[in-house]
Structure formats: structure tokens, C-alpha cells
Amino acid sequence: MTERLSQDPESVDVASAIRTLTEQVMVIAQSVQQLQVSHATLQTLVHTEGTPAASAPEPPVLLPERFTGERRSYRSFVTSSQVMFSLKPRTFCNEYVKVQTVISLLSGEPQSWAHQLLRTQSPLLNTWETLLSALDAIYDDPFCQDTAQREIKALKQGRRPVEDYVMEFKQYALDTAWNEAALITQFRSELSDQVKDELARIGVPSTLEMLMQASISIDRRFRERRQERNQYLLIQPRRTPQPAAHNIARELVPYTPCSVQEEPMQIGAIDRRLPPEEMARHRTNRLCLYCGQAGHVIRNCPEKTERGRKKMNTPSDLVSKYNSPLIAPHLSIPISLQLNEQRLPLP
């Protein structure tokens, strides 16, 4: 019987196939064992190296400023939101949390639009990407390149530091689609004159970044030198201006114009106002109220007329007539002595 089975060709083929399958099963079993060992090794590495990273707290990130619908701040709002999502992946682990967080950061018209989408259960709120596309269609600038070119042409350094000018320039430079040569020309043309003069002396750098760094360095040196000069001026005492020579002479001898009504100085002169008793005696005896002599009244008093003529010839009258501030080198003053109504002129 056994000899017949061994001599049967079909039985020989079946036995060969069984041996082949057995060998293949053994090979597969060894591969499975190797995979199990590798899997165990990987799990060990994950537990030893990946556990601290998984348990580490997420970095603190401030929420973006609320978006009110102003187009100029839209891109900044979107970028800040994407940065927040990337830094806090466990907090914003699904699309629902991202969409709801962005809606909570809207205000004004954008908030009313988003609330309408919530009430209608719009499919635009299914993912953050669909919500972002809807926001781009409304608030993103469709003419971003033209706007950037217009804004960058209007930029000027003026009197502010170069750092501020550089920051604004970089804000619009990427959206202009200009090459580096055009950006260098535009940036250099709107620098202050003193920075451009220094660049002309040392040479203009070949790249935009090197030109910006050189301009910042030059502007800082100028500002530091200006501060040093201002501090030096504050320390130095102020010099009082010296008066001119002709002003000194005029201050030493001040000019005081004489009035026409003033009389020449008299040594020992008494008050011409008569007491009531003396005035009554003059009127009773018909004496002059000015000189005390008889035969005339005060209106026709010759002594008063003579003094009036002398007044017209005084230097003070000449000065008043011509309104001249000149000071006479020699001034003649008539002097007279008077005692008991008798006058004695001195030579």
C-alpha cells in the first residue's frame, strides 16, 4: 500500500506542496516575532522619550486683537490666529474649536455675519479652511499688489528714525512683486538727506538688507551725535551780551527832556504861593501878585515877561523843538539870590 502511495505522482506533489507551505509559515512566524520585538522597542522609546513632550504645558499665547471689519488689519488677524492654532495644538485639537474661537474674536459687522451663519448652520462653518475662504472673499484686498505699490511709494523717512521707515517698508515690499533693484531704488530715494549724503560717501550696498542695515547704522550715529551736542549746549553757561559803547554813554548820562513850564533853578527861592493874609494885602494895596510891585497887575508883570523870554532861549527848549536826544556839553543855568522879596542875579 505504502509503495503504491509513494509511487503515485499526485501524492508526491501534495507532499512537496505541504513542505513548501510549512517552510513559508515558519518564515512568516519569524517575521511576526521580529515585528513584535520592533513594536515593543518602539513603544519603549515612545514611553521614555515621548511622554515628557506630551505632558509639557503649552506655551502661553495671547489672543489676537478683535477683528472689527477693517481691511488693513485683516491679514494680521488671520496670521495671529494661525500662529495661535499652531502653538496650542491640544487646545485647538479640532475644527469646531478653531471655528468657534475665531467667531468669538469677531466684532461689529463680521460678528453679525458669523452669527447669521451659526443660526442657519451654514456649511461654511464646518472647517477653519472654509471659514477662512469666506472671510477672504469679503475682507481681503482683491487689489493687494496695487495697494502695496501705492503705499510704498508714499512712504518717507522724514525726521523719524530709519528703523520705523524700514518696518513700514518691509510691510508692503513683499506684496509689490518688485524685484530687489526696484526696492533698493525706492527705499534709497525716500531716506533723509543726511543719510543719503553719507551713503554717497561710503557707497551704496548691493542688497536691500545690507542697505537697510547701513542706513540704520548711519542714522543712529547721527542721532547720538545730536544728543551729545545738545548736552554740551546745556552744560555751557550762557554769556550775557555786552552793551555797545554808545549805549554805555547814554546809560551813564540819561536824557530827560525839560518841560516848557519849568523855571530855571533858583538858589534860596521861596514858594510863590502867597498866604491868604498876604494876598489880601496885595489886593488892598493894588500890588502885583507875582513880584509885589505897584503900578501893574500879574498879567502885565515885566518880571514875569522877562523870565518867559529867558525860558524860550534855554537849551531845553531847543532840544524839545527839534526832538533831538543830543546832550549839550555845556549847560548854562541862570542863578539868582532872593531874600525878603529882593532878587540879586549872579554873574
Protein backbone atom coordinates (compact mmCIF):
# COMPACT_ATOMS: atom_id res chain seq x y z
CA MET A 1 0.00 0.00 0.00
CA THR A 2 2.79 2.33 1.04
CA GLU A 3 4.74 1.51 -2.02
CA ARG A 4 1.79 2.39 -4.17
CA LEU A 5 1.32 5.76 -2.49
CA SER A 6 4.96 6.55 -2.90
CA GLN A 7 4.86 5.59 -6.47
CA ASP A 8 1.71 7.74 -7.09
CA PRO A 9 2.84 11.04 -8.72
CA GLU A 10 -0.06 13.04 -7.30
CA SER A 11 0.79 12.12 -3.72
CA VAL A 12 4.36 13.20 -4.34
CA ASP A 13 3.21 16.68 -5.47
CA VAL A 14 0.93 17.11 -2.44
CA ALA A 15 3.72 16.24 -0.03
CA SER A 16 6.05 18.72 -1.74
CA ALA A 17 3.42 21.45 -1.51
CA ILE A 18 2.87 20.73 2.18
CA ARG A 19 6.58 21.06 2.89
CA THR A 20 6.74 24.34 0.98
CA LEU A 21 3.77 25.77 2.88
CA THR A 22 5.29 24.68 6.16
CA GLU A 23 8.52 26.48 5.39
CA GLN A 24 6.63 29.64 4.40
CA VAL A 25 4.60 29.55 7.60
CA MET A 26 7.79 29.30 9.61
CA VAL A 27 9.27 32.27 7.78
CA ILE A 28 6.10 34.30 8.41
CA ALA A 29 6.16 33.32 12.08
CA GLN A 30 9.74 34.56 12.37
CA SER A 31 8.78 37.85 10.66
CA VAL A 32 5.89 38.29 13.08
CA GLN A 33 8.20 37.72 16.01
CA GLN A 34 10.62 40.29 14.67
CA LEU A 35 7.79 42.80 14.15
CA GLN A 36 6.59 42.21 17.68
CA VAL A 37 10.07 42.88 19.02
CA SER A 38 10.33 46.04 16.94
CA HIS A 39 6.90 47.18 18.11
CA ALA A 40 7.85 46.63 21.73
CA THR A 41 11.07 48.60 21.20
CA LEU A 42 9.17 51.49 19.63
CA GLN A 43 6.67 51.55 22.47
CA THR A 44 9.52 51.68 24.95
CA LEU A 45 11.06 54.62 23.09
CA VAL A 46 7.72 56.40 23.00
CA HIS A 47 7.21 55.97 26.73
CA THR A 48 10.75 57.02 27.59
CA GLU A 49 11.16 59.95 25.16
CA GLY A 50 7.66 60.97 24.09
CA THR A 51 5.97 61.13 27.47
CA PRO A 52 7.66 64.34 28.71
CA ALA A 53 6.83 66.14 25.47
CA ALA A 54 3.24 65.02 25.63
CA SER A 55 2.84 66.14 29.22
CA ALA A 56 4.65 69.50 28.73
CA PRO A 57 2.33 72.51 29.08
CA GLU A 58 1.51 74.56 26.03
CA PRO A 59 3.17 77.97 25.79
CA PRO A 60 1.09 80.96 26.83
CA VAL A 61 -0.22 82.77 23.77
CA LEU A 62 -2.22 85.99 23.78
CA LEU A 63 -5.44 86.03 21.83
CA PRO A 64 -5.40 88.08 18.62
CA GLU A 65 -6.96 91.51 18.70
CA ARG A 66 -10.63 91.53 17.81
CA PHE A 67 -11.36 91.99 14.13
CA THR A 68 -13.83 94.83 13.55
CA GLY A 69 -14.00 94.66 9.75
CA GLU A 70 -11.11 97.00 8.93
CA ARG A 71 -9.40 95.67 5.82
CA ARG A 72 -5.96 96.94 6.81
CA SER A 73 -5.90 94.71 9.90
CA TYR A 74 -7.50 91.60 8.34
CA ARG A 75 -4.27 89.84 7.34
CA SER A 76 -2.73 90.49 10.72
CA PHE A 77 -5.78 88.95 12.41
CA VAL A 78 -5.65 85.81 10.25
CA THR A 79 -1.90 85.36 10.75
CA SER A 80 -2.22 85.77 14.52
CA SER A 81 -4.99 83.16 14.61
CA GLN A 82 -2.94 80.65 12.64
CA VAL A 83 0.06 81.18 14.95
CA MET A 84 -2.16 80.57 17.98
CA PHE A 85 -3.51 77.32 16.49
CA SER A 86 0.00 76.03 15.74
CA LEU A 87 1.40 76.84 19.20
CA LYS A 88 -1.51 75.28 21.11
CA PRO A 89 -2.39 72.09 19.20
CA ARG A 90 -4.01 70.33 22.17
CA THR A 91 -6.29 73.28 22.93
CA PHE A 92 -7.34 73.68 19.29
CA CYS A 93 -7.44 69.98 18.51
CA ASN A 94 -10.41 70.00 16.11
CA GLU A 95 -12.05 72.23 13.54
CA TYR A 96 -15.05 73.03 15.73
CA VAL A 97 -12.88 74.64 18.43
CA LYS A 98 -10.95 76.68 15.84
CA VAL A 99 -14.09 77.99 14.14
CA GLN A 100 -15.83 78.90 17.39
CA THR A 101 -12.72 80.65 18.71
CA VAL A 102 -12.40 82.78 15.58
CA ILE A 103 -16.09 83.71 15.72
CA SER A 104 -15.66 84.82 19.35
CA LEU A 105 -12.87 87.17 18.22
CA LEU A 106 -15.08 88.98 15.70
CA SER A 107 -16.97 92.19 16.47
CA GLY A 108 -19.19 94.60 14.62
CA GLU A 109 -20.31 93.64 11.14
CA PRO A 110 -18.11 90.50 10.91
CA GLN A 111 -19.63 89.21 14.13
CA SER A 112 -23.18 89.78 12.86
CA TRP A 113 -22.31 87.93 9.64
CA ALA A 114 -20.81 84.97 11.56
CA HIS A 115 -23.81 84.78 13.92
CA GLN A 116 -26.11 84.58 10.92
CA LEU A 117 -24.09 81.60 9.65
CA LEU A 118 -24.44 79.95 13.08
CA ARG A 119 -28.22 80.37 13.11
CA THR A 120 -28.56 78.89 9.63
CA GLN A 121 -26.00 76.12 10.34
CA SER A 122 -24.08 77.07 7.23
CA PRO A 123 -21.57 74.53 5.87
CA LEU A 124 -19.02 77.37 5.79
CA LEU A 125 -18.51 76.70 9.50
CA ASN A 126 -17.58 73.05 9.10
CA THR A 127 -13.83 73.70 8.99
CA TRP A 128 -11.42 76.53 9.60
CA GLU A 129 -10.35 76.49 5.94
CA THR A 130 -13.91 77.04 4.66
CA LEU A 131 -14.48 79.87 7.13
CA LEU A 132 -11.16 81.45 6.12
CA SER A 133 -12.11 81.28 2.44
CA ALA A 134 -15.41 83.02 3.17
CA LEU A 135 -13.63 85.75 5.16
CA ASP A 136 -11.06 86.24 2.38
CA ALA A 137 -13.83 86.78 -0.16
CA ILE A 138 -15.28 89.61 1.95
CA TYR A 139 -12.40 91.36 3.71
CA ASP A 140 -9.21 90.52 1.82
CA ASP A 141 -7.98 93.21 -0.59
CA PRO A 142 -8.52 91.97 -4.17
CA PHE A 143 -6.05 94.60 -5.40
CA CYS A 144 -3.40 93.87 -2.81
CA GLN A 145 -0.49 94.40 -5.21
CA ASP A 146 -1.70 97.80 -6.42
CA THR A 147 -2.38 98.90 -2.85
CA ALA A 148 1.09 97.84 -1.71
CA GLN A 149 2.76 99.69 -4.57
CA ARG A 150 0.78 102.84 -3.83
CA GLU A 151 1.54 102.69 -0.10
CA ILE A 152 5.26 102.01 -0.53
CA LYS A 153 5.63 104.97 -2.90
CA ALA A 154 4.06 107.25 -0.28
CA LEU A 155 6.48 106.16 2.47
CA LYS A 156 9.12 108.68 3.58
CA GLN A 157 11.59 108.65 6.44
CA GLY A 158 11.17 112.31 7.32
CA ARG A 159 12.51 113.12 10.79
CA ARG A 160 11.71 109.75 12.35
CA PRO A 161 14.32 107.01 12.91
CA VAL A 162 15.25 104.77 10.00
CA GLU A 163 14.05 101.72 11.97
CA ASP A 164 10.43 102.88 11.72
CA TYR A 165 10.82 103.55 8.00
CA VAL A 166 12.32 100.07 7.48
CA MET A 167 9.47 98.32 9.31
CA GLU A 168 6.80 100.00 7.22
CA PHE A 169 8.77 99.42 4.02
CA LYS A 170 9.03 95.68 4.71
CA GLN A 171 5.32 95.53 5.43
CA TYR A 172 4.49 96.38 1.81
CA ALA A 173 7.62 95.17 -0.01
CA LEU A 174 6.53 91.52 -0.40
CA ASP A 175 3.13 92.41 -1.86
CA THR A 176 4.53 94.78 -4.50
CA ALA A 177 6.04 91.92 -6.57
CA TRP A 178 9.01 94.22 -7.36
CA ASN A 179 12.49 92.84 -7.84
CA GLU A 180 15.30 93.76 -5.46
CA ALA A 181 16.74 96.50 -7.69
CA ALA A 182 13.42 98.35 -7.76
CA LEU A 183 13.03 98.02 -3.99
CA ILE A 184 16.56 99.36 -3.42
CA THR A 185 15.86 102.39 -5.61
CA GLN A 186 12.56 103.13 -3.87
CA PHE A 187 13.99 102.68 -0.37
CA ARG A 188 17.03 104.87 -1.01
CA SER A 189 15.07 107.69 -2.68
CA GLU A 190 12.95 108.40 0.41
CA LEU A 191 15.73 108.43 3.01
CA SER A 192 16.63 111.69 4.74
CA ASP A 193 19.20 113.92 3.05
CA GLN A 194 21.93 113.39 5.66
CA VAL A 195 21.65 109.59 5.37
CA LYS A 196 21.77 109.79 1.58
CA ASP A 197 24.82 112.06 1.74
CA GLU A 198 26.64 109.55 3.95
CA LEU A 199 25.66 106.66 1.66
CA ALA A 200 27.03 108.63 -1.30
CA ARG A 201 30.32 108.98 0.58
CA ILE A 202 30.74 105.33 1.66
CA GLY A 203 28.97 103.69 -1.29
CA VAL A 204 25.53 102.09 -1.68
CA PRO A 205 25.36 98.38 -0.68
CA SER A 206 24.40 95.86 -3.32
CA THR A 207 21.47 94.20 -1.49
CA LEU A 208 18.34 95.60 0.10
CA GLU A 209 19.06 94.06 3.51
CA MET A 210 22.60 95.46 3.59
CA LEU A 211 21.28 98.88 2.53
CA MET A 212 18.75 98.86 5.38
CA GLN A 213 21.38 97.87 7.94
CA ALA A 214 23.80 100.55 6.72
CA SER A 215 21.07 103.21 6.81
CA ILE A 216 20.11 102.24 10.37
CA SER A 217 23.75 102.43 11.50
CA ILE A 218 24.26 105.86 9.89
CA ASP A 219 21.06 107.26 11.34
CA ARG A 220 21.96 106.03 14.84
CA ARG A 221 25.35 107.73 14.67
CA PHE A 222 23.75 110.99 13.60
CA ARG A 223 21.21 110.84 16.44
CA GLU A 224 23.89 110.03 19.03
CA ARG A 225 26.00 112.97 17.83
CA ARG A 226 22.95 115.26 18.01
CA GLN A 227 22.29 114.21 21.59
CA GLU A 228 25.93 114.85 22.56
CA ARG A 229 25.79 118.32 21.02
CA ASN A 230 22.57 119.17 22.84
CA GLN A 231 24.02 118.02 26.17
CA TYR A 232 27.12 120.15 25.59
CA LEU A 233 24.96 123.22 24.94
CA LEU A 234 23.02 122.61 28.14
CA ILE A 235 26.22 122.37 30.22
CA GLN A 236 27.84 125.54 28.82
CA PRO A 237 26.79 128.76 30.69
CA ARG A 238 25.02 131.40 28.70
CA ARG A 239 27.00 134.56 28.01
CA THR A 240 25.24 137.85 28.61
CA PRO A 241 25.68 140.25 25.65
CA GLN A 242 27.91 143.27 26.35
CA PRO A 243 26.29 146.66 25.63
CA ALA A 244 27.79 148.81 22.92
CA ALA A 245 29.98 151.82 23.70
CA HIS A 246 27.44 154.41 22.60
CA ASN A 247 24.78 152.72 24.72
CA ILE A 248 27.06 152.89 27.79
CA ALA A 249 27.48 156.65 27.38
CA ARG A 250 23.74 157.09 27.01
CA GLU A 251 23.08 154.97 30.09
CA LEU A 252 25.57 156.98 32.18
CA VAL A 253 24.01 160.30 31.11
CA PRO A 254 20.31 159.67 30.57
CA TYR A 255 18.43 162.27 28.59
CA THR A 256 15.41 163.81 30.28
CA PRO A 257 13.58 166.42 28.20
CA CYS A 258 12.69 169.57 30.10
CA SER A 259 9.15 170.82 30.13
CA VAL A 260 8.36 174.30 28.87
CA GLN A 261 6.60 175.16 32.11
CA GLU A 262 9.72 174.55 34.24
CA GLU A 263 11.62 177.61 35.52
CA PRO A 264 15.41 177.94 35.91
CA MET A 265 16.76 176.69 39.20
CA GLN A 266 16.96 179.40 41.86
CA ILE A 267 19.06 179.06 44.98
CA GLY A 268 17.16 180.12 48.09
CA ALA A 269 13.88 180.54 46.19
CA ILE A 270 10.73 180.54 48.29
CA ASP A 271 7.30 179.29 47.45
CA ARG A 272 5.42 181.87 45.32
CA ARG A 273 2.08 180.85 46.61
CA LEU A 274 1.04 183.69 48.94
CA PRO A 275 -0.75 183.06 52.19
CA PRO A 276 -4.33 184.37 52.37
CA GLU A 277 -3.40 187.40 54.52
CA GLU A 278 -0.59 188.46 52.17
CA MET A 279 -2.82 188.00 49.14
CA ALA A 280 -5.49 190.17 50.76
CA ARG A 281 -2.88 192.86 51.50
CA HIS A 282 -1.66 192.83 47.87
CA ARG A 283 -5.17 193.22 46.59
CA THR A 284 -5.97 196.01 49.04
CA ASN A 285 -2.82 197.96 48.12
CA ARG A 286 -3.18 197.05 44.45
CA LEU A 287 0.18 195.29 44.33
CA CYS A 288 1.26 192.70 41.73
CA LEU A 289 0.60 189.19 42.92
CA TYR A 290 3.76 187.96 41.14
CA CYS A 291 6.52 190.46 42.03
CA GLY A 292 4.80 192.57 44.78
CA GLN A 293 5.41 195.89 42.99
CA ALA A 294 2.76 198.54 42.42
CA GLY A 295 1.64 200.02 39.14
CA HIS A 296 0.74 196.83 37.27
CA VAL A 297 -1.08 193.55 37.68
CA ILE A 298 0.22 189.98 37.34
CA ARG A 299 -0.92 189.78 33.73
CA ASN A 300 1.38 192.68 32.75
CA CYS A 301 4.21 191.93 35.19
CA PRO A 302 7.52 192.82 33.47
CA GLU A 303 9.47 190.41 35.63
CA LYS A 304 7.27 187.53 34.55
CA THR A 305 7.59 188.58 30.89
CA GLU A 306 11.38 188.75 31.16
CA ARG A 307 11.57 185.29 32.66
CA GLY A 308 9.36 183.96 29.88
CA ARG A 309 11.78 185.29 27.26
CA LYS A 310 14.69 183.64 29.05
CA LYS A 311 12.85 180.34 29.04
CA MET A 312 12.48 180.42 25.27
CA ASN A 313 16.27 180.66 24.90
CA THR A 314 17.15 177.78 27.23
CA PRO A 315 18.87 174.66 25.78
CA SER A 316 15.96 172.53 26.92
CA ASP A 317 13.62 174.45 24.62
CA LEU A 318 15.94 173.94 21.69
CA VAL A 319 16.13 170.21 22.42
CA SER A 320 12.34 169.98 22.67
CA LYS A 321 11.88 171.95 19.46
CA TYR A 322 13.99 169.65 17.34
CA ASN A 323 13.22 166.43 19.30
CA SER A 324 16.89 165.59 19.41
CA PRO A 325 18.36 163.32 22.13
CA LEU A 326 21.72 165.15 21.94
CA ILE A 327 23.19 166.23 25.27
CA ALA A 328 24.78 169.70 25.37
CA PRO A 329 28.38 169.60 26.54
CA HIS A 330 27.93 172.93 28.47
CA LEU A 331 24.63 173.87 30.07
CA SER A 332 24.08 177.45 31.29
CA ILE A 333 21.80 177.76 34.31
CA PRO A 334 20.75 181.24 35.50
CA ILE A 335 21.10 181.55 39.28
CA SER A 336 19.70 184.32 41.44
CA LEU A 337 19.54 185.05 45.15
CA GLN A 338 16.27 186.20 46.69
CA LEU A 339 15.77 187.49 50.20
CA ASN A 340 12.72 189.32 51.52
CA GLU A 341 11.27 189.80 48.05
CA GLN A 342 14.53 191.23 46.69
CA ARG A 343 16.36 189.40 43.94
CA LEU A 344 20.05 189.64 43.13
CA PRO A 345 21.15 187.87 39.91
CA LEU A 346 24.57 186.26 39.98
CA PRO A 347 27.00 186.70 37.05
